[in-house]
Amino acid sequence: MKHWMPPLAVAIGVLLAGCGGESHQDLRAWMAEQGKGARGKLEPLPQMRPYEPFAYNAFDLPDPFKPRKIEPTKGGSKLAPDLMRRKEPLEAYPIESLNMVGTLARDKNVYALVRTPEKDLYQVRAGNYLGQNFGVITGVTDNEVRVKELVQDGAGDWTERSSTLQLQQGDTTRGERRR
C-alpha cells in the first residue's frame, strides 16, 4: 500500500509548481497597464467656522408649544362660544365620530337621529349642540344635518366653520331612542 505514495507526492509537487510560475505574466502586465491612469482625487476638507453662540431673547413671548387657555371675550368679537352654557351630551364626541342614521318629523319639526360611537341614539334638531368645537345645528333635512362650529385660529380669534353629518345609508334605526 505504501508503494503508490511516492508517485502521488511527485504528482502533487508538479501540479503545485505549475500554478506558481511565470504563466500569469500577461495578467500581471494588463493589471499594471490599467493602474497607470488611475489616480485618486480627494476633495479638500471644508473650512470650519468658529462656533458663534446664539442668545435667546424671546422669554417674554408666549410658548408656541403650550396650548392656550380659552377665555371668554368681553365685548371684543361677536364670535365667541358661550362657555357658561351647560354642555349637551353630544358635545362629548368629535363630530367625525357621530353618524346620522335617520330623521323624524313631529309637529312640523324635523329631528335627526344621531348615533354615537357607543351605539347610543339621540334625536336632535336645529339649535342643539354637538361636536367638540362648539357646534350648533343650523338645519336638519332628510339626508343631512348642517352644523356651524366655532374654532380658534392661530391668533386666538374665533372663526366659523361649516360642516355636515350625512345620512348613513344601510344603517337601520330600530331599537332604542334617547333624548
N, C-alpha and C. Protein backbone atom coordinates (compact mmCIF):
# COMPACT_ATOMS: atom_id res chain seq x y z
N MET A 1 0.80 -1.17 0.00
CA MET A 1 0.00 0.00 0.00
C MET A 1 0.86 1.25 0.00
N LYS A 2 2.02 1.16 0.50
CA LYS A 2 2.86 2.34 0.59
C LYS A 2 3.59 2.58 -0.73
N HIS A 3 3.52 1.70 -1.71
CA HIS A 3 4.25 1.86 -2.95
C HIS A 3 3.61 2.92 -3.87
N TRP A 4 2.41 3.34 -3.68
CA TRP A 4 1.80 4.37 -4.52
C TRP A 4 1.99 5.77 -3.93
N MET A 5 2.47 5.94 -2.70
CA MET A 5 2.65 7.22 -2.06
C MET A 5 3.73 8.08 -2.74
N PRO A 6 4.90 7.57 -3.07
CA PRO A 6 5.90 8.44 -3.70
C PRO A 6 5.44 9.00 -5.05
N PRO A 7 4.82 8.21 -5.95
CA PRO A 7 4.37 8.84 -7.20
C PRO A 7 3.30 9.92 -6.96
N LEU A 8 2.46 9.74 -5.95
CA LEU A 8 1.43 10.73 -5.64
C LEU A 8 2.08 12.02 -5.15
N ALA A 9 3.10 11.92 -4.33
CA ALA A 9 3.78 13.10 -3.84
C ALA A 9 4.47 13.84 -4.97
N VAL A 10 5.04 13.13 -5.93
CA VAL A 10 5.68 13.76 -7.08
C VAL A 10 4.63 14.47 -7.94
N ALA A 11 3.48 13.85 -8.15
CA ALA A 11 2.42 14.45 -8.96
C ALA A 11 1.89 15.74 -8.32
N ILE A 12 1.76 15.72 -7.03
CA ILE A 12 1.27 16.92 -6.33
C ILE A 12 2.31 18.02 -6.42
N GLY A 13 3.57 17.69 -6.30
CA GLY A 13 4.63 18.69 -6.40
C GLY A 13 4.68 19.32 -7.78
N VAL A 14 4.49 18.52 -8.85
CA VAL A 14 4.49 19.05 -10.21
C VAL A 14 3.29 19.97 -10.42
N LEU A 15 2.18 19.57 -9.90
CA LEU A 15 0.97 20.39 -10.04
C LEU A 15 1.13 21.73 -9.35
N LEU A 16 1.70 21.71 -8.16
CA LEU A 16 1.88 22.96 -7.43
C LEU A 16 2.93 23.85 -8.10
N ALA A 17 3.92 23.26 -8.68
CA ALA A 17 4.95 24.04 -9.37
C ALA A 17 4.39 24.70 -10.61
N GLY A 18 3.42 24.08 -11.26
CA GLY A 18 2.81 24.65 -12.47
C GLY A 18 1.93 25.85 -12.15
N CYS A 19 1.39 25.93 -10.96
CA CYS A 19 0.49 27.04 -10.60
C CYS A 19 1.25 28.30 -10.26
N GLY A 20 2.43 28.23 -9.78
CA GLY A 20 3.09 29.41 -9.26
C GLY A 20 4.14 30.01 -10.16
N GLY A 21 4.27 29.63 -11.36
CA GLY A 21 5.36 30.10 -12.22
C GLY A 21 5.05 31.40 -12.91
N GLU A 22 5.67 31.61 -14.07
CA GLU A 22 5.54 32.83 -14.86
C GLU A 22 4.37 32.76 -15.85
N SER A 23 3.48 31.79 -15.68
CA SER A 23 2.39 31.63 -16.63
C SER A 23 1.37 32.76 -16.58
N HIS A 24 1.33 33.56 -15.54
CA HIS A 24 0.36 34.65 -15.41
C HIS A 24 1.00 36.00 -15.72
N GLN A 25 2.02 36.00 -16.50
CA GLN A 25 2.71 37.24 -16.83
C GLN A 25 1.81 38.19 -17.61
N ASP A 26 0.98 37.67 -18.52
CA ASP A 26 0.07 38.53 -19.30
C ASP A 26 -0.97 39.20 -18.39
N LEU A 27 -1.42 38.50 -17.38
CA LEU A 27 -2.38 39.07 -16.44
C LEU A 27 -1.74 40.19 -15.62
N ARG A 28 -0.52 39.97 -15.19
CA ARG A 28 0.19 40.99 -14.42
C ARG A 28 0.47 42.23 -15.28
N ALA A 29 0.79 42.05 -16.54
CA ALA A 29 1.05 43.18 -17.44
C ALA A 29 -0.23 43.98 -17.66
N TRP A 30 -1.36 43.31 -17.83
CA TRP A 30 -2.64 44.01 -18.04
C TRP A 30 -3.01 44.82 -16.79
N MET A 31 -2.81 44.26 -15.61
CA MET A 31 -3.13 44.97 -14.37
C MET A 31 -2.24 46.21 -14.22
N ALA A 32 -0.98 46.09 -14.58
CA ALA A 32 -0.09 47.24 -14.48
C ALA A 32 -0.51 48.32 -15.46
N GLU A 33 -0.95 47.95 -16.66
CA GLU A 33 -1.40 48.91 -17.68
C GLU A 33 -2.67 49.64 -17.22
N GLN A 34 -3.58 48.93 -16.62
CA GLN A 34 -4.83 49.53 -16.17
C GLN A 34 -4.61 50.50 -15.01
N GLY A 35 -3.67 50.23 -14.16
CA GLY A 35 -3.43 51.05 -13.00
C GLY A 35 -2.65 52.31 -13.28
N LYS A 36 -2.08 52.47 -14.51
CA LYS A 36 -1.26 53.65 -14.80
C LYS A 36 -2.07 54.95 -14.76
N GLY A 37 -3.27 54.95 -15.35
CA GLY A 37 -4.05 56.19 -15.45
C GLY A 37 -4.92 56.47 -14.24
N ALA A 38 -5.02 55.53 -13.33
CA ALA A 38 -5.91 55.71 -12.18
C ALA A 38 -5.20 56.48 -11.08
N ARG A 39 -5.75 57.62 -10.78
CA ARG A 39 -5.22 58.42 -9.68
C ARG A 39 -6.40 58.83 -8.81
N GLY A 40 -6.26 58.71 -7.55
CA GLY A 40 -7.33 59.08 -6.63
C GLY A 40 -7.38 60.58 -6.42
N LYS A 41 -8.61 61.10 -6.35
CA LYS A 41 -8.80 62.52 -6.07
C LYS A 41 -9.50 62.66 -4.73
N LEU A 42 -8.97 63.47 -3.91
CA LEU A 42 -9.61 63.78 -2.64
C LEU A 42 -9.99 65.25 -2.63
N GLU A 43 -11.25 65.49 -2.27
CA GLU A 43 -11.71 66.87 -2.15
C GLU A 43 -11.07 67.48 -0.91
N PRO A 44 -10.75 68.75 -0.96
CA PRO A 44 -10.18 69.36 0.25
C PRO A 44 -11.26 69.43 1.34
N LEU A 45 -10.84 69.38 2.57
CA LEU A 45 -11.76 69.45 3.69
C LEU A 45 -12.40 70.83 3.76
N PRO A 46 -13.69 70.90 4.12
CA PRO A 46 -14.33 72.22 4.22
C PRO A 46 -13.74 73.01 5.37
N GLN A 47 -13.77 74.32 5.19
CA GLN A 47 -13.25 75.20 6.24
C GLN A 47 -14.23 75.18 7.42
N MET A 48 -13.73 75.03 8.58
CA MET A 48 -14.56 75.04 9.78
C MET A 48 -14.62 76.46 10.34
N ARG A 49 -15.84 76.95 10.46
CA ARG A 49 -16.02 78.28 11.04
C ARG A 49 -16.08 78.15 12.56
N PRO A 50 -15.61 79.11 13.25
CA PRO A 50 -15.67 79.03 14.72
C PRO A 50 -17.13 79.11 15.19
N TYR A 51 -17.44 78.48 16.28
CA TYR A 51 -18.78 78.46 16.86
C TYR A 51 -19.16 79.84 17.37
N GLU A 52 -20.35 80.29 16.96
CA GLU A 52 -20.87 81.57 17.43
C GLU A 52 -22.10 81.28 18.30
N PRO A 53 -22.08 81.56 19.57
CA PRO A 53 -23.23 81.27 20.43
C PRO A 53 -24.42 82.16 20.06
N PHE A 54 -25.64 81.61 20.25
CA PHE A 54 -26.88 82.33 19.95
C PHE A 54 -27.55 82.72 21.26
N ALA A 55 -27.89 83.97 21.39
CA ALA A 55 -28.56 84.45 22.60
C ALA A 55 -30.07 84.43 22.35
N TYR A 56 -30.81 83.64 23.12
CA TYR A 56 -32.26 83.54 23.01
C TYR A 56 -32.89 84.61 23.89
N ASN A 57 -33.59 85.56 23.26
CA ASN A 57 -34.16 86.68 24.00
C ASN A 57 -35.68 86.70 23.97
N ALA A 58 -36.33 85.60 23.61
CA ALA A 58 -37.78 85.59 23.47
C ALA A 58 -38.47 84.99 24.69
N PHE A 59 -37.95 85.23 25.87
CA PHE A 59 -38.55 84.67 27.07
C PHE A 59 -39.89 85.31 27.40
N ASP A 60 -40.13 86.53 26.93
CA ASP A 60 -41.38 87.22 27.24
C ASP A 60 -42.51 86.81 26.31
N LEU A 61 -42.21 86.18 25.18
CA LEU A 61 -43.24 85.77 24.23
C LEU A 61 -43.91 84.48 24.70
N PRO A 62 -45.16 84.25 24.29
CA PRO A 62 -45.84 83.02 24.70
C PRO A 62 -45.17 81.79 24.06
N ASP A 63 -45.16 80.72 24.80
CA ASP A 63 -44.57 79.47 24.32
C ASP A 63 -45.48 78.88 23.23
N PRO A 64 -44.98 78.67 22.02
CA PRO A 64 -45.85 78.16 20.95
C PRO A 64 -46.21 76.70 21.13
N PHE A 65 -45.57 76.00 22.06
CA PHE A 65 -45.83 74.58 22.23
C PHE A 65 -46.79 74.28 23.38
N LYS A 66 -47.21 75.30 24.09
CA LYS A 66 -48.19 75.12 25.16
C LYS A 66 -49.56 75.51 24.63
N PRO A 67 -50.59 74.71 24.93
CA PRO A 67 -51.94 75.10 24.48
C PRO A 67 -52.40 76.35 25.22
N ARG A 68 -53.08 77.19 24.49
CA ARG A 68 -53.59 78.42 25.11
C ARG A 68 -54.88 78.15 25.84
N LYS A 69 -55.08 78.87 26.89
CA LYS A 69 -56.31 78.74 27.64
C LYS A 69 -57.39 79.58 26.95
N ILE A 70 -58.53 78.99 26.74
CA ILE A 70 -59.63 79.69 26.09
C ILE A 70 -60.35 80.52 27.13
N GLU A 71 -60.41 81.80 26.87
CA GLU A 71 -61.08 82.70 27.81
C GLU A 71 -62.22 83.40 27.09
N PRO A 72 -63.31 83.63 27.77
CA PRO A 72 -64.42 84.33 27.12
C PRO A 72 -64.02 85.77 26.79
N THR A 73 -64.46 86.25 25.64
CA THR A 73 -64.13 87.61 25.25
C THR A 73 -65.14 88.57 25.87
N LYS A 74 -64.68 89.75 26.21
CA LYS A 74 -65.55 90.74 26.83
C LYS A 74 -65.77 91.89 25.85
N GLY A 75 -66.83 91.76 25.05
CA GLY A 75 -67.20 92.85 24.16
C GLY A 75 -66.34 92.96 22.91
N GLY A 76 -65.37 92.12 22.72
CA GLY A 76 -64.49 92.21 21.56
C GLY A 76 -65.17 91.66 20.31
N SER A 77 -64.95 90.44 20.01
CA SER A 77 -65.51 89.81 18.83
C SER A 77 -66.90 89.27 19.15
N LYS A 78 -67.79 89.33 18.16
CA LYS A 78 -69.12 88.76 18.35
C LYS A 78 -69.06 87.25 18.32
N LEU A 79 -68.05 86.71 17.62
CA LEU A 79 -67.92 85.26 17.54
C LEU A 79 -67.13 84.76 18.75
N ALA A 80 -67.82 84.15 19.65
CA ALA A 80 -67.18 83.54 20.81
C ALA A 80 -68.17 82.54 21.39
N PRO A 81 -67.69 81.41 21.84
CA PRO A 81 -68.62 80.43 22.41
C PRO A 81 -69.09 80.88 23.79
N ASP A 82 -70.26 80.45 24.14
CA ASP A 82 -70.79 80.71 25.47
C ASP A 82 -70.25 79.62 26.39
N LEU A 83 -69.20 79.94 27.13
CA LEU A 83 -68.55 78.95 27.98
C LEU A 83 -69.32 78.68 29.27
N MET A 84 -70.31 79.51 29.56
CA MET A 84 -71.10 79.31 30.77
C MET A 84 -72.32 78.42 30.51
N ARG A 85 -72.59 78.10 29.26
CA ARG A 85 -73.74 77.27 28.89
C ARG A 85 -73.51 75.82 29.31
N ARG A 86 -74.57 75.15 29.73
CA ARG A 86 -74.47 73.73 30.09
C ARG A 86 -74.26 72.90 28.82
N LYS A 87 -73.29 72.01 28.86
CA LYS A 87 -72.95 71.17 27.69
C LYS A 87 -74.02 70.11 27.47
N GLU A 88 -74.28 69.84 26.18
CA GLU A 88 -75.21 68.79 25.81
C GLU A 88 -74.44 67.48 25.63
N PRO A 89 -75.12 66.33 25.70
CA PRO A 89 -74.40 65.04 25.66
C PRO A 89 -73.56 64.81 24.40
N LEU A 90 -74.03 65.28 23.25
CA LEU A 90 -73.28 65.03 22.01
C LEU A 90 -72.05 65.91 21.86
N GLU A 91 -71.84 66.85 22.77
CA GLU A 91 -70.64 67.68 22.72
C GLU A 91 -69.42 66.96 23.29
N ALA A 92 -69.62 65.78 23.81
CA ALA A 92 -68.50 64.99 24.33
C ALA A 92 -67.78 64.23 23.22
N TYR A 93 -68.34 64.21 22.01
CA TYR A 93 -67.78 63.41 20.91
C TYR A 93 -67.26 64.30 19.80
N PRO A 94 -66.19 63.91 19.15
CA PRO A 94 -65.78 64.63 17.93
C PRO A 94 -66.86 64.45 16.87
N ILE A 95 -67.07 65.47 16.08
CA ILE A 95 -68.15 65.42 15.10
C ILE A 95 -67.92 64.30 14.07
N GLU A 96 -66.65 63.94 13.84
CA GLU A 96 -66.34 62.89 12.87
C GLU A 96 -66.78 61.52 13.36
N SER A 97 -66.97 61.36 14.67
CA SER A 97 -67.34 60.05 15.20
C SER A 97 -68.85 59.87 15.30
N LEU A 98 -69.63 60.91 15.02
CA LEU A 98 -71.08 60.82 15.08
C LEU A 98 -71.65 60.46 13.71
N ASN A 99 -72.74 59.69 13.70
CA ASN A 99 -73.38 59.27 12.45
C ASN A 99 -74.86 59.65 12.48
N MET A 100 -75.33 60.25 11.38
CA MET A 100 -76.76 60.49 11.22
C MET A 100 -77.36 59.22 10.63
N VAL A 101 -78.36 58.65 11.31
CA VAL A 101 -78.91 57.37 10.85
C VAL A 101 -80.39 57.47 10.46
N GLY A 102 -81.01 58.64 10.60
CA GLY A 102 -82.39 58.77 10.19
C GLY A 102 -82.97 60.10 10.60
N THR A 103 -84.27 60.29 10.27
CA THR A 103 -84.97 61.52 10.65
C THR A 103 -86.35 61.17 11.20
N LEU A 104 -86.90 62.09 11.95
CA LEU A 104 -88.26 62.00 12.46
C LEU A 104 -88.92 63.34 12.22
N ALA A 105 -90.22 63.33 11.98
CA ALA A 105 -90.97 64.58 11.85
C ALA A 105 -92.09 64.55 12.89
N ARG A 106 -92.14 65.60 13.70
CA ARG A 106 -93.16 65.68 14.74
C ARG A 106 -93.58 67.13 14.88
N ASP A 107 -94.86 67.42 14.73
CA ASP A 107 -95.41 68.77 14.87
C ASP A 107 -94.66 69.77 13.99
N LYS A 108 -94.48 69.48 12.75
CA LYS A 108 -93.81 70.33 11.77
C LYS A 108 -92.33 70.57 12.08
N ASN A 109 -91.78 69.84 13.03
CA ASN A 109 -90.34 69.91 13.32
C ASN A 109 -89.67 68.65 12.80
N VAL A 110 -88.51 68.83 12.21
CA VAL A 110 -87.75 67.69 11.71
C VAL A 110 -86.60 67.44 12.69
N TYR A 111 -86.51 66.20 13.16
CA TYR A 111 -85.46 65.79 14.07
C TYR A 111 -84.54 64.82 13.34
N ALA A 112 -83.27 64.88 13.66
CA ALA A 112 -82.31 63.91 13.12
C ALA A 112 -81.97 62.92 14.21
N LEU A 113 -81.75 61.67 13.80
CA LEU A 113 -81.31 60.65 14.74
C LEU A 113 -79.80 60.50 14.57
N VAL A 114 -79.08 60.72 15.65
CA VAL A 114 -77.61 60.70 15.62
C VAL A 114 -77.12 59.59 16.54
N ARG A 115 -76.24 58.74 16.00
CA ARG A 115 -75.69 57.62 16.76
C ARG A 115 -74.26 57.94 17.18
N THR A 116 -73.94 57.65 18.44
CA THR A 116 -72.60 57.87 18.99
C THR A 116 -71.74 56.62 18.77
N PRO A 117 -70.44 56.71 19.02
CA PRO A 117 -69.60 55.51 18.90
C PRO A 117 -70.00 54.39 19.86
N GLU A 118 -70.66 54.72 20.97
CA GLU A 118 -71.12 53.69 21.91
C GLU A 118 -72.47 53.11 21.50
N LYS A 119 -72.97 53.47 20.32
CA LYS A 119 -74.24 52.99 19.77
C LYS A 119 -75.47 53.57 20.47
N ASP A 120 -75.29 54.66 21.23
CA ASP A 120 -76.44 55.36 21.79
C ASP A 120 -77.06 56.21 20.70
N LEU A 121 -78.38 56.38 20.75
CA LEU A 121 -79.10 57.11 19.72
C LEU A 121 -79.74 58.35 20.34
N TYR A 122 -79.52 59.51 19.74
CA TYR A 122 -80.06 60.78 20.22
C TYR A 122 -80.87 61.42 19.10
N GLN A 123 -81.94 62.12 19.49
CA GLN A 123 -82.67 62.90 18.49
C GLN A 123 -82.34 64.37 18.73
N VAL A 124 -81.97 65.05 17.62
CA VAL A 124 -81.53 66.44 17.70
C VAL A 124 -82.30 67.25 16.67
N ARG A 125 -82.32 68.54 16.89
CA ARG A 125 -82.96 69.45 15.93
C ARG A 125 -82.15 70.72 15.86
N ALA A 126 -82.57 71.64 15.02
CA ALA A 126 -81.87 72.91 14.88
C ALA A 126 -81.82 73.61 16.23
N GLY A 127 -80.63 74.10 16.59
CA GLY A 127 -80.44 74.76 17.87
C GLY A 127 -79.72 73.90 18.89
N ASN A 128 -79.71 72.57 18.69
CA ASN A 128 -78.96 71.70 19.59
C ASN A 128 -77.47 71.78 19.26
N TYR A 129 -76.66 71.39 20.23
CA TYR A 129 -75.21 71.44 20.08
C TYR A 129 -74.67 70.02 19.94
N LEU A 130 -73.59 69.89 19.13
CA LEU A 130 -72.89 68.62 19.03
C LEU A 130 -71.45 68.86 18.58
N GLY A 131 -70.58 67.92 18.85
CA GLY A 131 -69.17 68.05 18.49
C GLY A 131 -68.40 68.80 19.55
N GLN A 132 -67.09 68.72 19.45
CA GLN A 132 -66.22 69.32 20.46
C GLN A 132 -65.77 70.73 20.12
N ASN A 133 -66.24 71.28 18.99
CA ASN A 133 -65.86 72.63 18.58
C ASN A 133 -67.04 73.59 18.68
N PHE A 134 -67.83 73.49 19.74
CA PHE A 134 -68.96 74.38 19.98
C PHE A 134 -69.91 74.41 18.77
N GLY A 135 -70.18 73.25 18.19
CA GLY A 135 -71.03 73.15 17.00
C GLY A 135 -72.49 73.25 17.34
N VAL A 136 -73.20 74.13 16.63
CA VAL A 136 -74.64 74.28 16.79
C VAL A 136 -75.30 73.84 15.48
N ILE A 137 -76.38 73.09 15.61
CA ILE A 137 -77.09 72.60 14.43
C ILE A 137 -77.89 73.75 13.84
N THR A 138 -77.66 74.03 12.56
CA THR A 138 -78.36 75.13 11.89
C THR A 138 -79.52 74.63 11.04
N GLY A 139 -79.52 73.37 10.69
CA GLY A 139 -80.62 72.85 9.88
C GLY A 139 -80.58 71.34 9.79
N VAL A 140 -81.77 70.74 9.66
CA VAL A 140 -81.90 69.30 9.50
C VAL A 140 -82.76 69.04 8.28
N THR A 141 -82.23 68.23 7.36
CA THR A 141 -83.01 67.80 6.19
C THR A 141 -83.11 66.28 6.24
N ASP A 142 -83.75 65.70 5.22
CA ASP A 142 -83.93 64.25 5.20
C ASP A 142 -82.61 63.48 5.11
N ASN A 143 -81.57 64.12 4.56
CA ASN A 143 -80.32 63.37 4.36
C ASN A 143 -79.09 64.04 4.95
N GLU A 144 -79.23 65.15 5.69
CA GLU A 144 -78.04 65.75 6.31
C GLU A 144 -78.41 66.65 7.48
N VAL A 145 -77.40 66.84 8.34
CA VAL A 145 -77.50 67.79 9.45
C VAL A 145 -76.42 68.83 9.20
N ARG A 146 -76.82 70.09 9.10
CA ARG A 146 -75.85 71.18 8.90
C ARG A 146 -75.45 71.74 10.25
N VAL A 147 -74.13 71.89 10.43
CA VAL A 147 -73.58 72.33 11.72
C VAL A 147 -72.65 73.51 11.48
N LYS A 148 -72.73 74.50 12.36
CA LYS A 148 -71.80 75.63 12.33
C LYS A 148 -70.96 75.54 13.59
N GLU A 149 -69.64 75.41 13.41
CA GLU A 149 -68.73 75.26 14.54
C GLU A 149 -67.94 76.54 14.75
N LEU A 150 -67.49 76.76 15.97
CA LEU A 150 -66.60 77.87 16.29
C LEU A 150 -65.23 77.29 16.64
N VAL A 151 -64.22 77.69 15.89
CA VAL A 151 -62.86 77.22 16.15
C VAL A 151 -61.96 78.42 16.34
N GLN A 152 -60.92 78.22 17.12
CA GLN A 152 -59.98 79.31 17.39
C GLN A 152 -58.81 79.18 16.43
N ASP A 153 -58.46 80.30 15.77
CA ASP A 153 -57.34 80.27 14.84
C ASP A 153 -56.03 80.51 15.60
N GLY A 154 -54.93 80.59 14.86
CA GLY A 154 -53.62 80.74 15.47
C GLY A 154 -53.45 82.02 16.26
N ALA A 155 -54.20 83.05 15.90
CA ALA A 155 -54.08 84.33 16.60
C ALA A 155 -54.99 84.40 17.83
N GLY A 156 -55.79 83.37 18.04
CA GLY A 156 -56.69 83.36 19.19
C GLY A 156 -58.06 83.90 18.89
N ASP A 157 -58.33 84.29 17.64
CA ASP A 157 -59.65 84.78 17.26
C ASP A 157 -60.54 83.61 16.88
N TRP A 158 -61.84 83.80 17.08
CA TRP A 158 -62.82 82.75 16.77
C TRP A 158 -63.30 82.91 15.34
N THR A 159 -63.40 81.81 14.63
CA THR A 159 -63.93 81.81 13.27
C THR A 159 -64.97 80.70 13.16
N GLU A 160 -65.88 80.90 12.22
CA GLU A 160 -66.92 79.90 11.99
C GLU A 160 -66.47 78.91 10.93
N ARG A 161 -66.91 77.67 11.10
CA ARG A 161 -66.62 76.62 10.13
C ARG A 161 -67.89 75.81 9.97
N SER A 162 -68.28 75.57 8.72
CA SER A 162 -69.49 74.79 8.46
C SER A 162 -69.11 73.34 8.17
N SER A 163 -69.93 72.45 8.68
CA SER A 163 -69.74 71.03 8.39
C SER A 163 -71.11 70.37 8.37
N THR A 164 -71.12 69.15 7.89
CA THR A 164 -72.38 68.42 7.79
C THR A 164 -72.20 66.99 8.26
N LEU A 165 -73.29 66.43 8.75
CA LEU A 165 -73.37 65.00 9.01
C LEU A 165 -74.28 64.43 7.93
N GLN A 166 -73.78 63.53 7.13
CA GLN A 166 -74.56 62.92 6.06
C GLN A 166 -75.30 61.69 6.58
N LEU A 167 -76.44 61.42 6.01
CA LEU A 167 -77.21 60.23 6.36
C LEU A 167 -76.42 59.00 5.96
N GLN A 168 -76.26 58.07 6.88
CA GLN A 168 -75.53 56.83 6.62
C GLN A 168 -76.49 55.84 5.99
N GLN A 169 -76.27 55.50 4.74
CA GLN A 169 -77.13 54.54 4.04
C GLN A 169 -76.84 53.14 4.55
N GLY A 170 -77.86 52.33 4.64
CA GLY A 170 -77.68 50.94 5.05
C GLY A 170 -77.68 50.77 6.56
N ASP A 171 -77.70 51.85 7.31
CA ASP A 171 -77.75 51.77 8.76
C ASP A 171 -79.22 51.76 9.17
N THR A 172 -79.64 50.82 9.94
CA THR A 172 -81.03 50.78 10.38
C THR A 172 -81.14 51.43 11.74
N THR A 173 -82.33 51.95 12.02
CA THR A 173 -82.52 52.68 13.28
C THR A 173 -83.57 52.00 14.14
N ARG A 174 -83.61 50.70 14.16
CA ARG A 174 -84.53 50.00 15.04
C ARG A 174 -83.94 49.91 16.43
N GLY A 175 -84.76 49.94 17.40
CA GLY A 175 -84.24 49.76 18.76
C GLY A 175 -84.50 50.98 19.62
N GLU A 176 -83.54 51.30 20.46
CA GLU A 176 -83.72 52.30 21.49
C GLU A 176 -83.65 53.73 20.96
N ARG A 177 -84.32 54.65 21.65
CA ARG A 177 -84.23 56.06 21.39
C ARG A 177 -83.96 56.77 22.69
N ARG A 178 -83.06 57.76 22.62
CA ARG A 178 -82.78 58.55 23.84
C ARG A 178 -82.97 60.01 23.50
N ARG A 179 -83.29 60.74 24.48
CA ARG A 179 -83.46 62.17 24.30
C ARG A 179 -82.35 62.93 24.87
